[in-house]
């Protein structure tokens, strides 16, 4: 997940000055990475992030925008979980922050999607929401057949809200349920590039596009090589089949073969894997590709007619289906 780490590191460094954007980003990070806990009758907010840079950014924004103190708790990976988690914890003033950021509504009930002020805000808030969601639960896979930019969502309502936020900035995203979890997925390469540009991850975009282009060039080269190889195999099978037919034609006609057709047929038999152009060069005097091909065709046609008159197998007798198809 090198691309994911690169995006998060770059996005975490982007300075944001507009208050609405800072609030939208904090609200989304808390919604996607956080949890509301009741401790001794008070609401405590905890946000679990997988990078220290994202945790420091969240802590700074909470302090500067909302005036709340927080702490960062580092949880080292152990057992099944290999990654280190950075938990931003707000114990004092947690209920107030939950209301300020839209994690709970006026009645104190948890909000299922994104806060209304983020959903109905300007397009810059939509970008900030995607920036926060990616810092919280985003991933970007390497360019290729299964490349995707994804966000793990806390529920279907949040996933649909992110799809709407993407649409507001001109990017097409889809909500998916994967292994019982809700996700927002962008698979189109152009759309991924557009969103990375919106997020401000320009360095990552350049690296991603370079790898994407390199992969496409390699795939094109492989396709052409496979195509050429297949053509060569077909040509070789067809030449071997033509050699077998030429030998059968010479056997059928025996002494009735005209000398110029006999020479062409014998060249085909003696050099079964040679191309028609190579056979023409071996002829004395040299012939063009079309001329040698024409003589071999006349030889086969003459032998097939003779075989029909005699009631015996023609020149195609003994060929396997692959040779018959190619020949």
Protein backbone atom coordinates (compact mmCIF):
# COMPACT_ATOMS: atom_id res chain seq x y z
CA UNK A 1 0.00 0.00 0.00
CA UNK A 2 2.84 2.38 -0.80
CA UNK A 3 0.54 4.63 -2.85
CA UNK A 4 -1.89 4.92 0.07
CA UNK A 5 0.84 6.01 2.46
CA UNK A 6 2.12 8.53 -0.08
CA UNK A 7 -1.31 10.10 -0.54
CA UNK A 8 -1.91 10.35 3.21
CA UNK A 9 1.51 11.83 3.86
CA UNK A 10 1.02 14.46 1.15
CA UNK A 11 -2.58 15.32 2.07
CA UNK A 12 -1.67 15.64 5.76
CA UNK A 13 0.76 18.45 4.84
CA UNK A 14 -1.72 20.54 2.84
CA UNK A 15 -2.46 23.85 4.59
CA UNK A 16 -6.15 24.76 4.83
CA UNK A 17 -7.19 28.27 5.83
CA UNK A 18 -10.96 28.42 5.24
CA UNK A 19 -12.88 27.74 8.43
CA UNK A 20 -15.68 25.83 6.68
CA UNK A 21 -13.17 23.48 5.03
CA UNK A 22 -11.31 22.84 8.28
CA UNK A 23 -14.59 22.03 10.04
CA UNK A 24 -15.72 19.72 7.21
CA UNK A 25 -12.42 17.85 7.30
CA UNK A 26 -12.45 17.39 11.09
CA UNK A 27 -16.10 16.32 11.08
CA UNK A 28 -15.46 13.72 8.37
CA UNK A 29 -12.32 12.34 10.02
CA UNK A 30 -14.18 11.92 13.31
CA UNK A 31 -17.18 10.35 11.55
CA UNK A 32 -15.07 7.84 9.59
CA UNK A 33 -12.42 7.00 12.16
CA UNK A 34 -14.05 7.83 15.42
CA UNK A 35 -16.37 6.44 17.95
CA UNK A 36 -18.54 7.94 20.66
CA UNK A 37 -18.10 6.31 24.04
CA UNK A 38 -19.92 6.92 27.30
CA UNK A 39 -17.43 7.02 30.17
CA UNK A 40 -18.78 7.83 33.64
CA UNK A 41 -21.85 9.37 32.03
CA UNK A 42 -19.80 11.63 29.74
CA UNK A 43 -19.24 11.40 25.97
CA UNK A 44 -15.63 10.60 25.04
CA UNK A 45 -14.54 10.81 21.38
CA UNK A 46 -11.82 8.54 20.03
CA UNK A 47 -10.50 8.66 16.46
CA UNK A 48 -8.31 5.79 15.26
CA UNK A 49 -5.87 6.71 12.47
CA UNK A 50 -3.10 4.71 10.84
CA UNK A 51 -0.59 7.52 10.34
CA UNK A 52 1.02 9.80 12.89
CA UNK A 53 0.80 12.75 10.48
CA UNK A 54 -2.99 12.43 10.22
CA UNK A 55 -3.30 12.15 14.02
CA UNK A 56 -1.20 15.29 14.59
CA UNK A 57 -3.18 17.17 11.95
CA UNK A 58 -6.50 16.20 13.54
CA UNK A 59 -5.32 17.14 17.01
CA UNK A 60 -4.09 20.53 15.79
CA UNK A 61 -7.33 21.28 13.94
CA UNK A 62 -9.49 20.34 16.95
CA UNK A 63 -7.45 22.68 19.13
CA UNK A 64 -7.34 25.62 16.70
CA UNK A 65 -10.87 25.41 15.26
CA UNK A 66 -12.86 24.18 18.26
CA UNK A 67 -10.59 24.95 21.20
CA UNK A 68 -10.62 21.45 22.67
CA UNK A 69 -7.63 19.63 24.09
CA UNK A 70 -6.86 16.06 23.03
CA UNK A 71 -4.23 13.42 23.47
CA UNK A 72 -2.64 10.91 21.11
CA UNK A 73 -2.38 7.31 22.28
CA UNK A 74 -0.11 5.02 20.26
CA UNK A 75 -1.28 1.41 19.99
CA UNK A 76 1.44 -0.88 18.62
CA UNK A 77 0.38 -3.64 16.21
CA UNK A 78 0.05 -7.06 17.77
CA UNK A 79 -1.49 -10.41 16.87
CA UNK A 80 -3.67 -10.24 13.75
CA UNK A 81 -3.34 -6.46 13.54
CA UNK A 82 0.13 -5.64 12.22
CA UNK A 83 -0.21 -1.87 11.85
CA UNK A 84 0.29 0.77 14.52
CA UNK A 85 -2.75 2.87 15.37
CA UNK A 86 -2.73 6.48 16.57
CA UNK A 87 -5.79 7.23 18.67
CA UNK A 88 -6.79 10.87 19.11
CA UNK A 89 -8.83 11.01 22.32
CA UNK A 90 -11.01 13.89 23.49
CA UNK A 91 -12.27 13.28 27.02
CA UNK A 92 -13.02 16.79 28.32
CA UNK A 93 -15.66 18.55 26.26
CA UNK A 94 -16.40 15.46 24.18
CA UNK A 95 -20.15 16.04 24.16
CA UNK A 96 -19.74 19.67 23.08
CA UNK A 97 -17.32 18.69 20.30
CA UNK A 98 -19.72 15.98 19.14
CA UNK A 99 -22.42 18.61 18.74
CA UNK A 100 -20.08 21.15 17.13
CA UNK A 101 -18.85 18.68 14.54
CA UNK A 102 -22.26 17.19 13.82
CA UNK A 103 -21.55 13.71 15.18
CA UNK A 104 -24.81 14.00 17.14
CA UNK A 105 -27.97 15.96 16.32
CA UNK A 106 -29.85 18.45 18.49
CA UNK A 107 -31.47 15.62 20.42
CA UNK A 108 -28.15 13.96 21.19
CA UNK A 109 -28.69 11.13 18.71
CA UNK A 110 -25.71 9.97 16.58
CA UNK A 111 -25.78 11.15 12.96
CA UNK A 112 -25.65 8.23 10.53
CA UNK A 113 -24.33 9.98 7.43
CA UNK A 114 -22.28 13.16 7.23
CA UNK A 115 -23.25 16.27 9.20
CA UNK A 116 -25.84 18.46 7.41
CA UNK A 117 -23.44 21.41 7.25
CA UNK A 118 -20.99 19.27 5.27
CA UNK A 119 -23.60 17.75 2.95
CA UNK A 120 -25.16 21.12 2.10
CA UNK A 121 -21.92 23.14 2.14
CA UNK A 122 -20.01 24.53 -0.87
CA UNK A 123 -17.88 22.36 -3.15
CA UNK A 124 -14.76 23.17 -1.12
CA UNK A 125 -16.42 21.39 1.81
CA UNK A 126 -16.97 18.34 -0.40
CA UNK A 127 -13.24 18.29 -1.20
CA UNK A 128 -12.42 18.69 2.51
CA UNK A 129 -14.78 15.81 3.33
CA UNK A 130 -12.97 13.54 0.85
CA UNK A 131 -9.62 14.67 2.25
CA UNK A 132 -10.76 13.78 5.76
CA UNK A 133 -12.30 10.48 4.69
CA UNK A 134 -9.13 9.42 2.90
CA UNK A 135 -6.95 10.31 5.88
CA UNK A 136 -9.29 8.23 8.05
CA UNK A 137 -10.09 5.16 5.93
CA UNK A 138 -8.75 5.69 2.42
CA UNK A 139 -6.66 3.44 0.18
CA UNK A 140 -5.16 3.72 -3.30
CA UNK A 141 -3.97 0.62 -5.11
CA UNK A 142 -1.28 0.51 -7.77
CA UNK A 143 -2.39 1.27 -11.35
CA UNK A 144 -3.49 -1.83 -13.20
CA UNK A 145 -6.48 -3.98 -14.00
CA UNK A 146 -7.84 -3.79 -10.43
CA UNK A 147 -6.65 -0.29 -9.50
CA UNK A 148 -9.03 1.65 -7.28
CA UNK A 149 -9.32 4.51 -4.84
CA UNK A 150 -11.53 3.37 -1.96
CA UNK A 151 -12.93 4.69 1.30
CA UNK A 152 -14.13 2.39 4.06
CA UNK A 153 -17.35 3.85 5.43
CA UNK A 154 -19.06 3.48 8.84
CA UNK A 155 -22.41 2.77 7.18
CA UNK A 156 -24.43 3.00 3.93
CA UNK A 157 -25.64 6.53 4.73
CA UNK A 158 -22.04 7.79 5.00
CA UNK A 159 -21.13 5.97 1.78
CA UNK A 160 -23.98 7.64 -0.13
CA UNK A 161 -22.98 11.01 1.33
CA UNK A 162 -19.44 10.52 -0.02
CA UNK A 163 -20.81 9.56 -3.44
CA UNK A 164 -22.76 12.83 -3.42
CA UNK A 165 -19.69 14.79 -2.32
CA UNK A 166 -17.70 13.28 -5.19
CA UNK A 167 -20.44 14.21 -7.65
CA UNK A 168 -20.32 17.83 -6.42
CA UNK A 169 -16.66 18.07 -7.47
CA UNK A 170 -17.21 16.36 -10.84
CA UNK A 171 -16.00 12.86 -9.95
CA UNK A 172 -18.03 9.67 -10.39
CA UNK A 173 -17.91 7.28 -7.42
CA UNK A 174 -19.98 4.25 -6.46
CA UNK A 175 -21.12 2.85 -3.13
CA UNK A 176 -20.44 -0.85 -2.67
CA UNK A 177 -20.94 -3.43 0.06
CA UNK A 178 -17.78 -5.54 0.27
CA UNK A 179 -17.54 -8.45 2.73
CA UNK A 180 -20.25 -6.96 4.91
CA UNK A 181 -18.69 -3.48 4.96
CA UNK A 182 -19.70 -0.32 3.12
CA UNK A 183 -17.21 1.27 0.76
CA UNK A 184 -17.04 4.06 -1.79
CA UNK A 185 -15.04 3.04 -4.85
CA UNK A 186 -13.53 4.93 -7.79
CA UNK A 187 -12.03 2.63 -10.45
CA UNK A 188 -11.76 4.79 -13.54
CA UNK A 189 -8.17 5.99 -13.98
CA UNK A 190 -9.19 9.46 -15.15
CA UNK A 191 -11.57 9.87 -12.21
CA UNK A 192 -8.87 8.79 -9.75
CA UNK A 193 -6.50 11.34 -11.26
CA UNK A 194 -9.16 14.06 -11.04
CA UNK A 195 -9.84 13.35 -7.36
CA UNK A 196 -6.13 13.28 -6.47
CA UNK A 197 -5.87 16.69 -8.13
CA UNK A 198 -8.84 17.97 -6.11
CA UNK A 199 -7.28 16.68 -2.89
CA UNK A 200 -4.02 18.44 -3.68
CA UNK A 201 -1.97 15.23 -3.91
CA UNK A 202 -0.05 16.42 -6.97
CA UNK A 203 3.18 14.54 -6.26
CA UNK A 204 1.28 11.29 -5.80
CA UNK A 205 -0.70 11.96 -8.96
CA UNK A 206 2.51 12.30 -10.99
CA UNK A 207 3.87 9.05 -9.55
CA UNK A 208 0.56 7.25 -10.06
CA UNK A 209 0.22 8.45 -13.68
CA UNK A 210 3.82 7.48 -14.42
CA UNK A 211 3.23 3.95 -13.12
CA UNK A 212 -0.08 3.79 -14.94
CA UNK A 213 1.54 4.79 -18.23
CA UNK A 214 4.43 2.38 -17.73
CA UNK A 215 1.99 -0.43 -17.02
CA UNK A 216 -0.09 0.38 -20.10
CA UNK A 217 3.01 0.45 -22.31
CA UNK A 218 4.15 -2.89 -20.88
CA UNK A 219 0.69 -4.41 -21.39
CA UNK A 220 0.58 -3.16 -24.99
CA UNK A 221 4.03 -4.59 -25.66
CA UNK A 222 2.99 -7.94 -24.17
CA UNK A 223 -0.16 -8.02 -26.28
CA UNK A 224 1.81 -7.30 -29.46
CA UNK A 225 4.43 -9.92 -28.56
CA UNK A 226 1.72 -12.50 -27.88
CA UNK A 227 0.00 -11.56 -31.13
CA UNK A 228 3.24 -11.92 -33.12
CA UNK A 229 4.04 -15.20 -31.40
CA UNK A 230 0.58 -16.57 -32.17
CA UNK A 231 0.91 -15.51 -35.79
CA UNK A 232 4.28 -17.22 -36.05
CA UNK A 233 2.87 -20.42 -34.57
CA UNK A 234 -0.06 -20.38 -36.98
CA UNK A 235 2.23 -19.71 -39.92
CA UNK A 236 4.54 -22.56 -38.89
CA UNK A 237 1.61 -24.99 -38.52
CA UNK A 238 0.21 -23.92 -41.88
CA UNK A 239 3.61 -24.41 -43.57
CA UNK A 240 3.99 -27.91 -42.08
CA UNK A 241 0.46 -28.79 -43.22
CA UNK A 242 1.22 -27.47 -46.72
CA UNK A 243 4.35 -29.61 -46.79
CA UNK A 244 2.31 -32.71 -45.89
CA UNK A 245 -0.22 -31.91 -48.62
CA UNK A 246 2.55 -31.31 -51.15
CA UNK A 247 4.07 -34.72 -50.36
CA UNK A 248 0.65 -36.36 -50.80
CA UNK A 249 0.19 -34.52 -54.10
CA UNK A 250 3.53 -35.76 -55.43
CA UNK A 251 2.62 -39.30 -54.40
CA UNK A 252 -0.78 -39.11 -56.11
CA UNK A 253 0.49 -37.63 -59.39
CA UNK A 254 3.77 -39.55 -59.50
CA UNK A 255 5.24 -39.15 -63.02
CA UNK A 256 2.34 -36.97 -64.21
CA UNK A 257 3.59 -33.90 -62.35
CA UNK A 258 4.83 -31.06 -64.61
CA UNK A 259 8.47 -30.24 -63.83
CA UNK A 260 7.83 -26.65 -62.67
CA UNK A 261 5.12 -27.82 -60.25
CA UNK A 262 7.26 -30.74 -59.08
CA UNK A 263 10.12 -28.37 -58.17
CA UNK A 264 7.76 -26.13 -56.19
CA UNK A 265 6.26 -29.15 -54.42
CA UNK A 266 9.63 -30.64 -53.55
CA UNK A 267 10.81 -27.31 -52.12
CA UNK A 268 7.69 -27.22 -49.93
CA UNK A 269 8.34 -30.79 -48.74
CA UNK A 270 12.04 -30.22 -48.06
CA UNK A 271 11.57 -26.92 -46.24
CA UNK A 272 8.30 -27.38 -44.35
CA UNK A 273 8.75 -24.51 -41.91
CA UNK A 274 10.03 -21.98 -44.45
CA UNK A 275 7.86 -19.06 -45.52
CA UNK A 276 6.62 -18.72 -49.10
CA UNK A 277 9.04 -15.84 -49.58
CA UNK A 278 11.93 -18.04 -48.45
CA UNK A 279 10.78 -20.85 -50.79
CA UNK A 280 10.74 -18.42 -53.69
CA UNK A 281 14.36 -17.47 -52.97
CA UNK A 282 15.37 -21.16 -52.88
CA UNK A 283 13.85 -21.78 -56.32
CA UNK A 284 16.13 -21.78 -59.38
CA UNK A 285 15.60 -19.27 -60.82
CA UNK A 286 14.20 -17.32 -57.83
CA UNK A 287 10.45 -16.70 -57.80
CA UNK A 288 8.24 -14.22 -56.06
CA UNK A 289 6.14 -15.21 -53.08
CA UNK A 290 2.96 -15.13 -55.19
CA UNK A 291 4.52 -17.18 -57.98
CA UNK A 292 5.67 -20.03 -55.72
CA UNK A 293 2.32 -19.99 -53.90
CA UNK A 294 0.49 -20.21 -57.21
CA UNK A 295 2.51 -23.22 -58.34
CA UNK A 296 1.89 -25.05 -55.05
CA UNK A 297 -1.86 -24.32 -55.31
CA UNK A 298 -1.96 -25.70 -58.87
CA UNK A 299 -0.06 -28.80 -57.77
CA UNK A 300 -2.54 -29.46 -54.95
CA UNK A 301 -5.58 -28.77 -57.15
CA UNK A 302 -4.27 -31.13 -59.83
CA UNK A 303 -3.61 -33.86 -57.25
CA UNK A 304 -7.03 -33.44 -55.60
CA UNK A 305 -8.77 -33.77 -58.98
CA UNK A 306 -6.73 -36.85 -59.80
CA UNK A 307 -7.54 -38.38 -56.39
CA UNK A 308 -11.24 -37.73 -56.94
CA UNK A 309 -11.10 -39.46 -60.34
CA UNK A 310 -9.32 -42.45 -58.80
CA UNK A 311 -11.57 -42.57 -55.72
CA UNK A 312 -8.69 -42.26 -53.26
CA UNK A 313 -7.89 -39.87 -50.39
CA UNK A 314 -7.01 -36.35 -51.50
CA UNK A 315 -4.14 -34.16 -50.28
CA UNK A 316 -5.98 -33.23 -47.07
CA UNK A 317 -6.07 -36.81 -45.85
CA UNK A 318 -4.05 -37.27 -42.68
CA UNK A 319 -4.11 -33.62 -41.57
CA UNK A 320 -5.20 -32.96 -37.97
CA UNK A 321 -7.98 -30.36 -37.36
CA UNK A 322 -5.51 -27.61 -36.36
CA UNK A 323 -3.47 -28.08 -39.53
CA UNK A 324 -6.62 -28.16 -41.61
CA UNK A 325 -7.83 -24.88 -40.11
CA UNK A 326 -4.51 -23.13 -40.67
CA UNK A 327 -3.69 -24.64 -44.01
